[in-house]
Amino acid sequence: MQSVEIKAIENSDFDMWLPLWEGYQRFYKVDIPHAVTRNTWERFLDPNEPMHAVLAMTCGQPCGFAHTVYQGRPGHLPTTAICRTCLFHLTHVGVALVAH
C-alpha cells in the first residue's frame, strides 16, 4: 500500500487541487461557478479567513483533499460551546486511491 502525505496547500497547488474539486462537484452533481471556485481558493490562502485546505498526496500526486472551516471569530464564541469549533468540510478522495 502506498503511503499518503498530507500537505497544506500553497498558491502553486491550484492546478493540482482543481481536478479534485471538479470531481467533487461531479460526484455531488453541483456546478459551482468558476468565480466562486477562484474566490474559495483565495480564501484558503488568506490568513485572515477561517478556512484552510490540505491535499493528500501519493507518489507526489494529489489523490484527495480536505477543507476546514473554523466557526466563531476569535473573541466571539458560538452559543453551544466555550471554544471555537472546526468543521471538517468538503472532503474528497480521488478514484485512484479508492481503487487501492
Protein backbone atom coordinates (compact mmCIF):
# COMPACT_ATOMS: atom_id res chain seq x y z
CA MET A 1 0.00 0.00 0.00
CA GLN A 2 1.26 3.47 -0.87
CA SER A 3 1.81 5.99 1.90
CA VAL A 4 -0.22 9.19 1.91
CA GLU A 5 1.29 12.56 2.76
CA ILE A 6 -0.94 15.40 3.93
CA LYS A 7 0.26 18.87 2.96
CA ALA A 8 -1.14 22.34 3.48
CA ILE A 9 -1.96 23.95 0.15
CA GLU A 10 0.21 26.61 -1.42
CA ASN A 11 -0.75 29.05 -4.15
CA SER A 12 1.10 26.92 -6.70
CA ASP A 13 -1.13 23.90 -5.89
CA PHE A 14 -4.24 25.27 -7.62
CA ASP A 15 -3.77 23.17 -10.78
CA MET A 16 -3.43 20.00 -8.66
CA TRP A 17 -6.43 20.82 -6.48
CA LEU A 18 -8.80 21.91 -9.27
CA PRO A 19 -9.36 18.45 -10.87
CA LEU A 20 -10.21 17.02 -7.43
CA TRP A 21 -12.57 19.95 -6.78
CA GLU A 22 -14.25 19.35 -10.14
CA GLY A 23 -14.55 15.64 -9.31
CA TYR A 24 -16.21 16.58 -6.03
CA GLN A 25 -18.72 18.68 -7.96
CA ARG A 26 -19.46 15.86 -10.41
CA PHE A 27 -19.97 13.41 -7.54
CA TYR A 28 -22.47 15.72 -5.80
CA LYS A 29 -24.00 16.86 -9.10
CA VAL A 30 -23.34 20.54 -8.47
CA ASP A 31 -21.87 23.19 -10.74
CA ILE A 32 -20.03 25.80 -8.71
CA PRO A 33 -19.24 28.86 -10.85
CA HIS A 34 -15.56 29.42 -11.65
CA ALA A 35 -15.64 32.82 -9.93
CA VAL A 36 -16.75 31.13 -6.68
CA THR A 37 -14.05 28.47 -7.08
CA ARG A 38 -11.36 31.14 -7.52
CA ASN A 39 -12.70 33.12 -4.55
CA THR A 40 -12.74 29.98 -2.38
CA TRP A 41 -9.13 29.22 -3.36
CA GLU A 42 -8.05 32.75 -2.47
CA ARG A 43 -9.84 32.49 0.87
CA PHE A 44 -7.90 29.29 1.69
CA LEU A 45 -4.68 31.27 1.26
CA ASP A 46 -5.81 34.37 3.16
CA PRO A 47 -4.52 34.25 6.77
CA ASN A 48 -7.48 36.42 7.84
CA GLU A 49 -10.02 33.82 6.68
CA PRO A 50 -11.08 30.95 8.97
CA MET A 51 -10.76 28.45 6.10
CA HIS A 52 -7.91 26.06 5.34
CA ALA A 53 -7.23 23.28 2.85
CA VAL A 54 -4.89 20.32 2.63
CA LEU A 55 -4.04 17.93 -0.17
CA ALA A 56 -3.49 14.21 0.26
CA MET A 57 -0.52 13.17 -1.88
CA THR A 58 0.71 9.76 -3.04
CA CYS A 59 3.93 9.47 -5.04
CA GLY A 60 3.92 13.26 -5.46
CA GLN A 61 0.44 13.30 -7.00
CA PRO A 62 -2.76 14.62 -5.39
CA CYS A 63 -5.28 11.94 -4.50
CA GLY A 64 -7.67 13.82 -2.23
CA PHE A 65 -8.34 16.97 -0.27
CA ALA A 66 -9.94 18.25 2.90
CA HIS A 67 -11.23 21.70 3.74
CA THR A 68 -11.77 23.04 7.24
CA VAL A 69 -13.83 26.00 8.38
CA TYR A 70 -13.49 27.44 11.88
CA GLN A 71 -16.75 28.71 13.31
CA GLY A 72 -16.88 31.74 15.53
CA ARG A 73 -14.40 34.59 15.28
CA PRO A 74 -11.73 34.97 17.96
CA GLY A 75 -13.46 36.68 20.87
CA HIS A 76 -16.90 35.62 19.53
CA LEU A 77 -17.72 32.12 20.73
CA PRO A 78 -20.66 30.08 19.48
CA THR A 79 -23.63 29.71 21.81
CA THR A 80 -23.14 25.94 22.08
CA ALA A 81 -19.53 25.83 23.32
CA ILE A 82 -16.89 27.73 25.26
CA CYS A 83 -14.38 27.48 22.44
CA ARG A 84 -14.28 27.87 18.68
CA THR A 85 -15.23 24.78 16.69
CA CYS A 86 -13.79 23.43 13.47
CA LEU A 87 -15.84 21.76 10.77
CA PHE A 88 -14.03 19.14 8.71
CA HIS A 89 -15.63 20.20 5.46
CA LEU A 90 -15.75 19.09 1.84
CA THR A 91 -13.55 16.03 1.85
CA HIS A 92 -12.93 14.19 -1.38
CA VAL A 93 -10.76 11.21 -2.25
CA GLY A 94 -9.88 10.57 -5.85
CA VAL A 95 -10.86 7.31 -7.55
CA ALA A 96 -7.22 6.16 -7.85
CA LEU A 97 -6.83 5.97 -4.07
CA VAL A 98 -10.17 4.26 -3.53
CA ALA A 99 -9.18 1.54 -6.03
CA HIS A 100 -6.20 0.58 -3.87
